Amino acid sequence: MTEEDLLLDPVGDDYPSLVGEALLSLDNDEFSCSASLSENGYVWMVVGRRLFVWKLENEKASANAAYQLSLPPSGLPYNVRTVRVYLRPNSSNVGVIAISPEGTIRHWPNIGRSYSDSSVDLEREVALSLDEVIDSGELVQICFLVYSTPIDSKRHQMFLIL
C-alpha cells in the first residue's frame, strides 16, 4: 500500500474588505454564512441577513470591490441557494435575484441600481432554492425555478420569468 501526502497551500485573505469586516462582526452564536461561485466568475456570499456580490478578477482569485445588497425581510435564515447572480444574454450587466423563505422576491436587474420587490404565494411552504433555467437558444428572457418544501409528498416548484 502506498502512502500519500496531502499538501495544502495557504492563501491570503481573498475577500473584499467589506466582506471581511462583515465576517468579523458576526457573533459566534448567530454565525450564518454561505457562498457560491457563478459560471461567469461572480461570487455571492450570504452573511447573516446581508448579501455580498463581487467578481473574481483572475485565476489567482483575487477579490474585487464587493456590492452589499439587502435581502428581503424574513423570519427565517437565508442561504446562497435562494440567491442567483446572472448575466442577461447579449449584455454585460449583472443581475441578482433573491427569494426569501416566505416568498418575497427581490430583483436587481442591474447590480448597481435599485431593486424591485414582488411576492409569490408558496401556500404556507418555504422556498428552499432558486435555480436559473438555461436555454441553449437565443431566448432573451431569463427563467428561474423556485423549489419549496413538499406539498402532499411532492416537491413544489414554480417558474419565474424576467
N, C-alpha and C. Protein backbone atom coordinates (compact mmCIF):
# COMPACT_ATOMS: atom_id res chain seq x y z
N MET A 1 0.85 -1.17 0.00
CA MET A 1 0.00 0.00 0.00
C MET A 1 0.89 1.24 0.00
N THR A 2 0.57 2.21 -0.85
CA THR A 2 1.38 3.43 -0.91
C THR A 2 0.79 4.49 0.00
N GLU A 3 1.67 5.31 0.49
CA GLU A 3 1.25 6.39 1.36
C GLU A 3 1.24 7.69 0.57
N GLU A 4 0.17 8.46 0.71
CA GLU A 4 0.07 9.73 0.00
C GLU A 4 0.12 10.87 1.01
N ASP A 5 0.80 11.93 0.61
CA ASP A 5 0.86 13.13 1.43
C ASP A 5 -0.11 14.15 0.88
N LEU A 6 -0.77 14.82 1.76
CA LEU A 6 -1.67 15.89 1.38
C LEU A 6 -0.98 17.21 1.68
N LEU A 7 -0.85 18.03 0.66
CA LEU A 7 -0.17 19.31 0.81
C LEU A 7 -1.19 20.42 0.59
N LEU A 8 -1.35 21.27 1.57
CA LEU A 8 -2.25 22.41 1.48
C LEU A 8 -1.43 23.68 1.42
N ASP A 9 -1.70 24.48 0.42
CA ASP A 9 -1.02 25.76 0.31
C ASP A 9 -1.87 26.84 0.96
N PRO A 10 -1.29 27.60 1.88
CA PRO A 10 -2.06 28.69 2.49
C PRO A 10 -2.29 29.80 1.47
N VAL A 11 -3.45 30.41 1.57
CA VAL A 11 -3.76 31.54 0.69
C VAL A 11 -4.08 32.75 1.56
N GLY A 12 -3.90 33.90 0.99
CA GLY A 12 -4.19 35.14 1.71
C GLY A 12 -5.68 35.39 1.79
N ASP A 13 -6.04 36.49 2.39
CA ASP A 13 -7.43 36.88 2.52
C ASP A 13 -7.92 37.36 1.17
N ASP A 14 -8.71 36.54 0.50
CA ASP A 14 -9.21 36.87 -0.82
C ASP A 14 -10.56 37.57 -0.79
N TYR A 15 -11.06 37.86 0.39
CA TYR A 15 -12.33 38.56 0.48
C TYR A 15 -12.12 40.05 0.29
N PRO A 16 -13.07 40.72 -0.36
CA PRO A 16 -13.02 42.18 -0.34
C PRO A 16 -13.11 42.66 1.11
N SER A 17 -12.56 43.81 1.40
CA SER A 17 -12.51 44.28 2.79
C SER A 17 -13.90 44.40 3.41
N LEU A 18 -14.90 44.80 2.62
CA LEU A 18 -16.27 44.92 3.13
C LEU A 18 -16.79 43.57 3.63
N VAL A 19 -16.48 42.51 2.92
CA VAL A 19 -16.91 41.16 3.30
C VAL A 19 -16.14 40.70 4.54
N GLY A 20 -14.84 40.94 4.57
CA GLY A 20 -14.04 40.57 5.73
C GLY A 20 -14.53 41.24 7.00
N GLU A 21 -14.90 42.51 6.91
CA GLU A 21 -15.44 43.23 8.06
C GLU A 21 -16.75 42.62 8.52
N ALA A 22 -17.61 42.24 7.58
CA ALA A 22 -18.89 41.63 7.94
C ALA A 22 -18.68 40.29 8.64
N LEU A 23 -17.73 39.51 8.17
CA LEU A 23 -17.44 38.22 8.80
C LEU A 23 -16.91 38.40 10.21
N LEU A 24 -16.06 39.40 10.41
CA LEU A 24 -15.50 39.64 11.74
C LEU A 24 -16.53 40.19 12.72
N SER A 25 -17.56 40.86 12.22
CA SER A 25 -18.54 41.50 13.10
C SER A 25 -19.62 40.54 13.59
N LEU A 26 -19.69 39.33 13.04
CA LEU A 26 -20.73 38.39 13.47
C LEU A 26 -20.38 37.75 14.80
N ASP A 27 -21.40 37.53 15.62
CA ASP A 27 -21.23 36.77 16.85
C ASP A 27 -21.15 35.29 16.51
N ASN A 28 -20.35 34.56 17.25
CA ASN A 28 -20.24 33.12 17.00
C ASN A 28 -21.56 32.39 17.21
N ASP A 29 -22.40 32.90 18.13
CA ASP A 29 -23.67 32.25 18.41
C ASP A 29 -24.65 32.34 17.25
N GLU A 30 -24.58 33.42 16.48
CA GLU A 30 -25.52 33.59 15.38
C GLU A 30 -24.82 33.59 14.03
N PHE A 31 -23.70 32.92 13.94
CA PHE A 31 -22.94 32.89 12.70
C PHE A 31 -23.68 32.09 11.64
N SER A 32 -23.96 32.73 10.54
CA SER A 32 -24.61 32.09 9.40
C SER A 32 -23.95 32.64 8.15
N CYS A 33 -23.28 31.77 7.41
CA CYS A 33 -22.55 32.22 6.23
C CYS A 33 -22.53 31.11 5.20
N SER A 34 -22.80 31.47 3.95
CA SER A 34 -22.66 30.51 2.86
C SER A 34 -22.28 31.30 1.61
N ALA A 35 -21.60 30.63 0.68
CA ALA A 35 -21.11 31.32 -0.52
C ALA A 35 -21.23 30.42 -1.73
N SER A 36 -21.26 31.05 -2.91
CA SER A 36 -21.32 30.31 -4.16
C SER A 36 -20.58 31.09 -5.23
N LEU A 37 -20.22 30.39 -6.30
CA LEU A 37 -19.50 30.99 -7.42
C LEU A 37 -20.25 30.68 -8.71
N SER A 38 -20.53 31.72 -9.51
CA SER A 38 -21.25 31.51 -10.77
C SER A 38 -20.29 31.13 -11.88
N GLU A 39 -20.84 30.64 -12.97
CA GLU A 39 -20.03 30.28 -14.13
C GLU A 39 -19.27 31.47 -14.71
N ASN A 40 -19.84 32.67 -14.55
CA ASN A 40 -19.20 33.86 -15.11
C ASN A 40 -18.26 34.55 -14.14
N GLY A 41 -17.89 33.88 -13.05
CA GLY A 41 -16.86 34.39 -12.16
C GLY A 41 -17.32 35.31 -11.05
N TYR A 42 -18.62 35.37 -10.79
CA TYR A 42 -19.12 36.20 -9.69
C TYR A 42 -19.32 35.34 -8.45
N VAL A 43 -18.91 35.88 -7.32
CA VAL A 43 -19.09 35.22 -6.03
C VAL A 43 -20.24 35.93 -5.33
N TRP A 44 -21.11 35.17 -4.70
CA TRP A 44 -22.08 35.78 -3.81
C TRP A 44 -22.03 35.06 -2.48
N MET A 45 -22.10 35.85 -1.43
CA MET A 45 -21.97 35.33 -0.07
C MET A 45 -23.07 35.92 0.79
N VAL A 46 -23.77 35.05 1.48
CA VAL A 46 -24.78 35.48 2.44
C VAL A 46 -24.14 35.42 3.82
N VAL A 47 -24.08 36.56 4.48
CA VAL A 47 -23.52 36.67 5.83
C VAL A 47 -24.65 37.19 6.71
N GLY A 48 -25.21 36.32 7.54
CA GLY A 48 -26.38 36.72 8.32
C GLY A 48 -27.53 37.05 7.38
N ARG A 49 -27.95 38.28 7.38
CA ARG A 49 -29.04 38.73 6.50
C ARG A 49 -28.55 39.69 5.42
N ARG A 50 -27.24 39.70 5.20
CA ARG A 50 -26.66 40.57 4.17
C ARG A 50 -26.12 39.74 3.02
N LEU A 51 -26.22 40.31 1.82
CA LEU A 51 -25.73 39.65 0.62
C LEU A 51 -24.59 40.47 0.04
N PHE A 52 -23.47 39.81 -0.24
CA PHE A 52 -22.31 40.45 -0.86
C PHE A 52 -22.06 39.78 -2.20
N VAL A 53 -21.79 40.60 -3.22
CA VAL A 53 -21.51 40.08 -4.56
C VAL A 53 -20.26 40.77 -5.08
N TRP A 54 -19.33 39.98 -5.64
CA TRP A 54 -18.14 40.56 -6.25
C TRP A 54 -17.64 39.64 -7.35
N LYS A 55 -16.82 40.19 -8.21
CA LYS A 55 -16.25 39.45 -9.35
C LYS A 55 -14.83 39.05 -9.02
N LEU A 56 -14.51 37.78 -9.27
CA LEU A 56 -13.13 37.34 -9.15
C LEU A 56 -12.38 37.83 -10.38
N GLU A 57 -11.23 38.42 -10.16
CA GLU A 57 -10.52 39.10 -11.25
C GLU A 57 -9.65 38.21 -12.11
N ASN A 58 -9.02 37.20 -11.53
CA ASN A 58 -8.11 36.39 -12.34
C ASN A 58 -8.03 34.98 -11.77
N GLU A 59 -7.19 34.16 -12.38
CA GLU A 59 -7.08 32.77 -11.97
C GLU A 59 -6.56 32.61 -10.55
N LYS A 60 -5.94 33.63 -9.99
CA LYS A 60 -5.47 33.56 -8.60
C LYS A 60 -6.58 33.91 -7.62
N ALA A 61 -7.77 34.22 -8.15
CA ALA A 61 -8.96 34.51 -7.34
C ALA A 61 -8.77 35.73 -6.45
N SER A 62 -8.11 36.73 -6.96
CA SER A 62 -8.01 37.95 -6.16
C SER A 62 -9.36 38.66 -6.18
N ALA A 63 -9.68 39.29 -5.09
CA ALA A 63 -11.02 39.86 -4.94
C ALA A 63 -11.09 41.30 -5.40
N ASN A 64 -12.23 41.66 -5.92
CA ASN A 64 -12.54 43.00 -6.36
C ASN A 64 -13.41 43.64 -5.27
N ALA A 65 -13.82 44.88 -5.48
CA ALA A 65 -14.73 45.52 -4.54
C ALA A 65 -16.08 44.81 -4.57
N ALA A 66 -16.72 44.71 -3.43
CA ALA A 66 -17.99 43.99 -3.32
C ALA A 66 -19.17 44.95 -3.27
N TYR A 67 -20.30 44.48 -3.75
CA TYR A 67 -21.58 45.16 -3.57
C TYR A 67 -22.23 44.55 -2.35
N GLN A 68 -22.80 45.40 -1.48
CA GLN A 68 -23.58 44.90 -0.36
C GLN A 68 -25.03 45.17 -0.67
N LEU A 69 -25.84 44.13 -0.70
CA LEU A 69 -27.26 44.24 -1.03
C LEU A 69 -28.08 43.76 0.16
N SER A 70 -29.23 44.38 0.35
CA SER A 70 -30.09 43.97 1.47
C SER A 70 -31.11 42.95 0.98
N LEU A 71 -31.17 41.84 1.68
CA LEU A 71 -32.12 40.79 1.34
C LEU A 71 -33.52 41.15 1.84
N PRO A 72 -34.57 40.60 1.23
CA PRO A 72 -35.93 40.90 1.71
C PRO A 72 -36.11 40.47 3.16
N PRO A 73 -36.98 41.15 3.90
CA PRO A 73 -37.22 40.77 5.29
C PRO A 73 -37.68 39.31 5.40
N SER A 74 -37.23 38.64 6.44
CA SER A 74 -37.62 37.25 6.66
C SER A 74 -37.42 36.88 8.12
N GLY A 75 -38.28 36.02 8.60
CA GLY A 75 -38.12 35.49 9.95
C GLY A 75 -37.28 34.23 9.98
N LEU A 76 -36.88 33.77 8.80
CA LEU A 76 -36.09 32.54 8.68
C LEU A 76 -34.72 32.86 8.09
N PRO A 77 -33.73 32.02 8.33
CA PRO A 77 -32.39 32.31 7.82
C PRO A 77 -32.29 32.13 6.30
N TYR A 78 -31.36 32.87 5.71
CA TYR A 78 -31.07 32.78 4.28
C TYR A 78 -29.88 31.88 4.05
N ASN A 79 -29.75 31.41 2.80
CA ASN A 79 -28.53 30.75 2.35
C ASN A 79 -28.38 31.04 0.86
N VAL A 80 -27.25 30.68 0.28
CA VAL A 80 -26.97 31.03 -1.11
C VAL A 80 -27.85 30.30 -2.11
N ARG A 81 -28.51 29.24 -1.71
CA ARG A 81 -29.38 28.51 -2.65
C ARG A 81 -30.60 29.32 -3.05
N THR A 82 -30.95 30.35 -2.29
CA THR A 82 -32.12 31.17 -2.63
C THR A 82 -31.72 32.49 -3.29
N VAL A 83 -30.49 32.56 -3.78
CA VAL A 83 -29.98 33.75 -4.48
C VAL A 83 -29.33 33.30 -5.78
N ARG A 84 -29.51 34.08 -6.84
CA ARG A 84 -28.83 33.81 -8.11
C ARG A 84 -28.26 35.10 -8.67
N VAL A 85 -27.02 35.02 -9.14
CA VAL A 85 -26.36 36.12 -9.86
C VAL A 85 -26.32 35.67 -11.31
N TYR A 86 -26.74 36.54 -12.23
CA TYR A 86 -26.84 36.12 -13.62
C TYR A 86 -26.45 37.25 -14.57
N LEU A 87 -26.15 36.88 -15.79
CA LEU A 87 -25.92 37.82 -16.88
C LEU A 87 -27.02 37.62 -17.90
N ARG A 88 -27.62 38.72 -18.35
CA ARG A 88 -28.62 38.61 -19.42
C ARG A 88 -27.91 38.28 -20.72
N PRO A 89 -28.56 37.53 -21.60
CA PRO A 89 -27.95 37.25 -22.91
C PRO A 89 -27.63 38.55 -23.65
N ASN A 90 -26.49 38.60 -24.28
CA ASN A 90 -26.03 39.76 -25.06
C ASN A 90 -25.90 41.02 -24.22
N SER A 91 -25.55 40.89 -22.96
CA SER A 91 -25.41 42.04 -22.08
C SER A 91 -24.26 41.78 -21.11
N SER A 92 -23.64 42.86 -20.66
CA SER A 92 -22.59 42.72 -19.65
C SER A 92 -23.10 43.12 -18.27
N ASN A 93 -24.39 43.50 -18.17
CA ASN A 93 -24.97 43.88 -16.89
C ASN A 93 -25.26 42.65 -16.03
N VAL A 94 -24.80 42.70 -14.80
CA VAL A 94 -25.02 41.61 -13.86
C VAL A 94 -26.31 41.88 -13.10
N GLY A 95 -27.16 40.88 -13.03
CA GLY A 95 -28.40 40.97 -12.26
C GLY A 95 -28.36 40.03 -11.08
N VAL A 96 -29.18 40.31 -10.09
CA VAL A 96 -29.28 39.46 -8.90
C VAL A 96 -30.76 39.28 -8.59
N ILE A 97 -31.13 38.06 -8.25
CA ILE A 97 -32.49 37.79 -7.79
C ILE A 97 -32.39 36.95 -6.53
N ALA A 98 -33.22 37.27 -5.54
CA ALA A 98 -33.24 36.54 -4.27
C ALA A 98 -34.68 36.31 -3.88
N ILE A 99 -34.94 35.18 -3.25
CA ILE A 99 -36.28 34.91 -2.73
C ILE A 99 -36.15 34.59 -1.24
N SER A 100 -37.00 35.21 -0.44
CA SER A 100 -37.00 34.91 0.99
C SER A 100 -37.66 33.55 1.19
N PRO A 101 -37.41 32.90 2.31
CA PRO A 101 -38.06 31.62 2.56
C PRO A 101 -39.59 31.71 2.50
N GLU A 102 -40.14 32.91 2.80
CA GLU A 102 -41.59 33.08 2.78
C GLU A 102 -42.15 33.46 1.41
N GLY A 103 -41.29 33.74 0.42
CA GLY A 103 -41.76 34.00 -0.93
C GLY A 103 -41.65 35.43 -1.42
N THR A 104 -40.96 36.31 -0.71
CA THR A 104 -40.74 37.67 -1.20
C THR A 104 -39.55 37.65 -2.15
N ILE A 105 -39.76 38.17 -3.35
CA ILE A 105 -38.71 38.17 -4.38
C ILE A 105 -38.14 39.58 -4.48
N ARG A 106 -36.82 39.68 -4.41
CA ARG A 106 -36.14 40.96 -4.61
C ARG A 106 -35.25 40.80 -5.83
N HIS A 107 -35.42 41.71 -6.80
CA HIS A 107 -34.72 41.60 -8.08
C HIS A 107 -33.96 42.89 -8.38
N TRP A 108 -32.68 42.76 -8.65
CA TRP A 108 -31.84 43.84 -9.12
C TRP A 108 -31.51 43.53 -10.58
N PRO A 109 -32.19 44.15 -11.58
CA PRO A 109 -31.87 43.87 -12.98
C PRO A 109 -30.43 44.26 -13.31
N ASN A 110 -29.92 45.26 -12.59
CA ASN A 110 -28.53 45.69 -12.71
C ASN A 110 -28.02 45.86 -11.29
N ILE A 111 -26.95 45.19 -10.96
CA ILE A 111 -26.47 45.15 -9.58
C ILE A 111 -26.18 46.53 -8.99
N GLY A 112 -25.86 47.49 -9.83
CA GLY A 112 -25.53 48.82 -9.34
C GLY A 112 -26.72 49.75 -9.22
N ARG A 113 -27.90 49.26 -9.49
CA ARG A 113 -29.12 50.09 -9.47
C ARG A 113 -30.09 49.61 -8.40
N SER A 114 -31.26 50.24 -8.37
CA SER A 114 -32.25 49.90 -7.35
C SER A 114 -32.93 48.57 -7.66
N TYR A 115 -33.59 48.03 -6.67
CA TYR A 115 -34.27 46.74 -6.79
C TYR A 115 -35.78 46.93 -6.84
N SER A 116 -36.48 45.87 -7.21
CA SER A 116 -37.94 45.84 -7.12
C SER A 116 -38.33 44.59 -6.35
N ASP A 117 -39.41 44.70 -5.59
CA ASP A 117 -39.91 43.57 -4.80
C ASP A 117 -41.23 43.07 -5.37
N SER A 118 -41.44 41.79 -5.28
CA SER A 118 -42.72 41.16 -5.60
C SER A 118 -42.82 39.94 -4.71
N SER A 119 -43.91 39.21 -4.81
CA SER A 119 -44.03 38.02 -3.97
C SER A 119 -44.76 36.92 -4.72
N VAL A 120 -44.54 35.71 -4.28
CA VAL A 120 -45.24 34.55 -4.81
C VAL A 120 -45.91 33.84 -3.64
N ASP A 121 -47.07 33.25 -3.91
CA ASP A 121 -47.80 32.51 -2.89
C ASP A 121 -47.24 31.10 -2.83
N LEU A 122 -46.56 30.78 -1.77
CA LEU A 122 -45.98 29.46 -1.59
C LEU A 122 -46.90 28.51 -0.83
N GLU A 123 -48.13 28.93 -0.61
CA GLU A 123 -49.13 28.10 0.06
C GLU A 123 -48.63 27.57 1.40
N ARG A 124 -48.12 28.47 2.23
CA ARG A 124 -47.60 28.17 3.57
C ARG A 124 -46.40 27.25 3.57
N GLU A 125 -45.71 27.16 2.44
CA GLU A 125 -44.49 26.37 2.36
C GLU A 125 -43.29 27.31 2.41
N VAL A 126 -42.10 26.78 2.36
CA VAL A 126 -40.87 27.56 2.48
C VAL A 126 -40.03 27.37 1.23
N ALA A 127 -39.55 28.48 0.65
CA ALA A 127 -38.66 28.40 -0.51
C ALA A 127 -37.33 27.81 -0.09
N LEU A 128 -36.88 26.80 -0.82
CA LEU A 128 -35.63 26.12 -0.50
C LEU A 128 -34.50 26.51 -1.43
N SER A 129 -34.82 26.74 -2.71
CA SER A 129 -33.77 27.08 -3.67
C SER A 129 -34.35 27.81 -4.86
N LEU A 130 -33.47 28.49 -5.56
CA LEU A 130 -33.81 29.26 -6.75
C LEU A 130 -32.77 28.90 -7.80
N ASP A 131 -33.21 28.32 -8.90
CA ASP A 131 -32.28 27.87 -9.93
C ASP A 131 -32.57 28.57 -11.25
N GLU A 132 -31.51 28.90 -11.97
CA GLU A 132 -31.66 29.50 -13.30
C GLU A 132 -31.89 28.39 -14.31
N VAL A 133 -32.87 28.61 -15.19
CA VAL A 133 -33.15 27.66 -16.26
C VAL A 133 -32.40 28.15 -17.48
N ILE A 134 -31.46 27.36 -17.95
CA ILE A 134 -30.60 27.75 -19.07
C ILE A 134 -31.24 27.29 -20.38
N ASP A 135 -31.36 28.22 -21.31
CA ASP A 135 -31.88 27.91 -22.64
C ASP A 135 -30.72 27.96 -23.62
N SER A 136 -30.56 26.92 -24.40
CA SER A 136 -29.44 26.87 -25.34
C SER A 136 -29.69 27.71 -26.59
N GLY A 137 -30.91 28.19 -26.78
CA GLY A 137 -31.23 29.01 -27.94
C GLY A 137 -30.91 30.47 -27.71
N GLU A 138 -31.52 31.32 -28.50
CA GLU A 138 -31.29 32.77 -28.42
C GLU A 138 -32.39 33.48 -27.64
N LEU A 139 -33.02 32.81 -26.72
CA LEU A 139 -34.08 33.40 -25.92
C LEU A 139 -33.53 34.56 -25.10
N VAL A 140 -34.23 35.68 -25.08
CA VAL A 140 -33.73 36.85 -24.36
C VAL A 140 -34.34 36.97 -22.97
N GLN A 141 -35.27 36.09 -22.61
CA GLN A 141 -35.82 36.11 -21.27
C GLN A 141 -34.99 35.20 -20.36
N ILE A 142 -35.03 35.53 -19.09
CA ILE A 142 -34.35 34.72 -18.09
C ILE A 142 -35.44 34.03 -17.27
N CYS A 143 -35.30 32.74 -17.04
CA CYS A 143 -36.28 31.98 -16.27
C CYS A 143 -35.60 31.40 -15.04
N PHE A 144 -36.34 31.37 -13.95
CA PHE A 144 -35.85 30.79 -12.71
C PHE A 144 -36.88 29.80 -12.20
N LEU A 145 -36.42 28.79 -11.51
CA LEU A 145 -37.28 27.77 -10.95
C LEU A 145 -37.14 27.82 -9.43
N VAL A 146 -38.27 27.98 -8.73
CA VAL A 146 -38.28 28.03 -7.27
C VAL A 146 -38.73 26.67 -6.75
N TYR A 147 -37.94 26.09 -5.86
CA TYR A 147 -38.32 24.86 -5.18
C TYR A 147 -38.71 25.20 -3.75
N SER A 148 -39.78 24.59 -3.28
CA SER A 148 -40.19 24.82 -1.89
C SER A 148 -40.36 23.47 -1.19
N THR A 149 -40.71 23.54 0.09
CA THR A 149 -40.92 22.32 0.86
C THR A 149 -42.05 21.52 0.22
N PRO A 150 -42.07 20.21 0.45
CA PRO A 150 -43.06 19.34 -0.22
C PRO A 150 -44.50 19.64 0.16
N ILE A 151 -45.37 19.54 -0.84
CA ILE A 151 -46.82 19.59 -0.64
C ILE A 151 -47.34 18.22 -1.03
N ASP A 152 -48.04 17.55 -0.13
CA ASP A 152 -48.57 16.21 -0.41
C ASP A 152 -47.48 15.27 -0.90
N SER A 153 -46.34 15.29 -0.25
CA SER A 153 -45.16 14.46 -0.55
C SER A 153 -44.56 14.68 -1.93
N LYS A 154 -44.95 15.76 -2.61
CA LYS A 154 -44.33 16.12 -3.88
C LYS A 154 -43.60 17.44 -3.72
N ARG A 155 -42.43 17.53 -4.30
CA ARG A 155 -41.66 18.77 -4.22
C ARG A 155 -42.34 19.84 -5.06
N HIS A 156 -42.64 20.96 -4.45
CA HIS A 156 -43.36 22.04 -5.10
C HIS A 156 -42.37 22.89 -5.89
N GLN A 157 -42.73 23.25 -7.12
CA GLN A 157 -41.87 24.10 -7.93
C GLN A 157 -42.71 25.05 -8.76
N MET A 158 -42.14 26.21 -9.09
CA MET A 158 -42.82 27.18 -9.93
C MET A 158 -41.79 27.96 -10.73
N PHE A 159 -42.21 28.50 -11.88
CA PHE A 159 -41.33 29.27 -12.75
C PHE A 159 -41.49 30.76 -12.49
N LEU A 160 -40.39 31.48 -12.55
CA LEU A 160 -40.38 32.94 -12.55
C LEU A 160 -39.73 33.37 -13.86
N ILE A 161 -40.36 34.26 -14.60
CA ILE A 161 -39.79 34.73 -15.86
C ILE A 161 -39.52 36.21 -15.75
N LEU A 162 -38.29 36.61 -16.06
CA LEU A 162 -37.91 38.02 -16.01
C LEU A 162 -37.93 38.60 -17.40
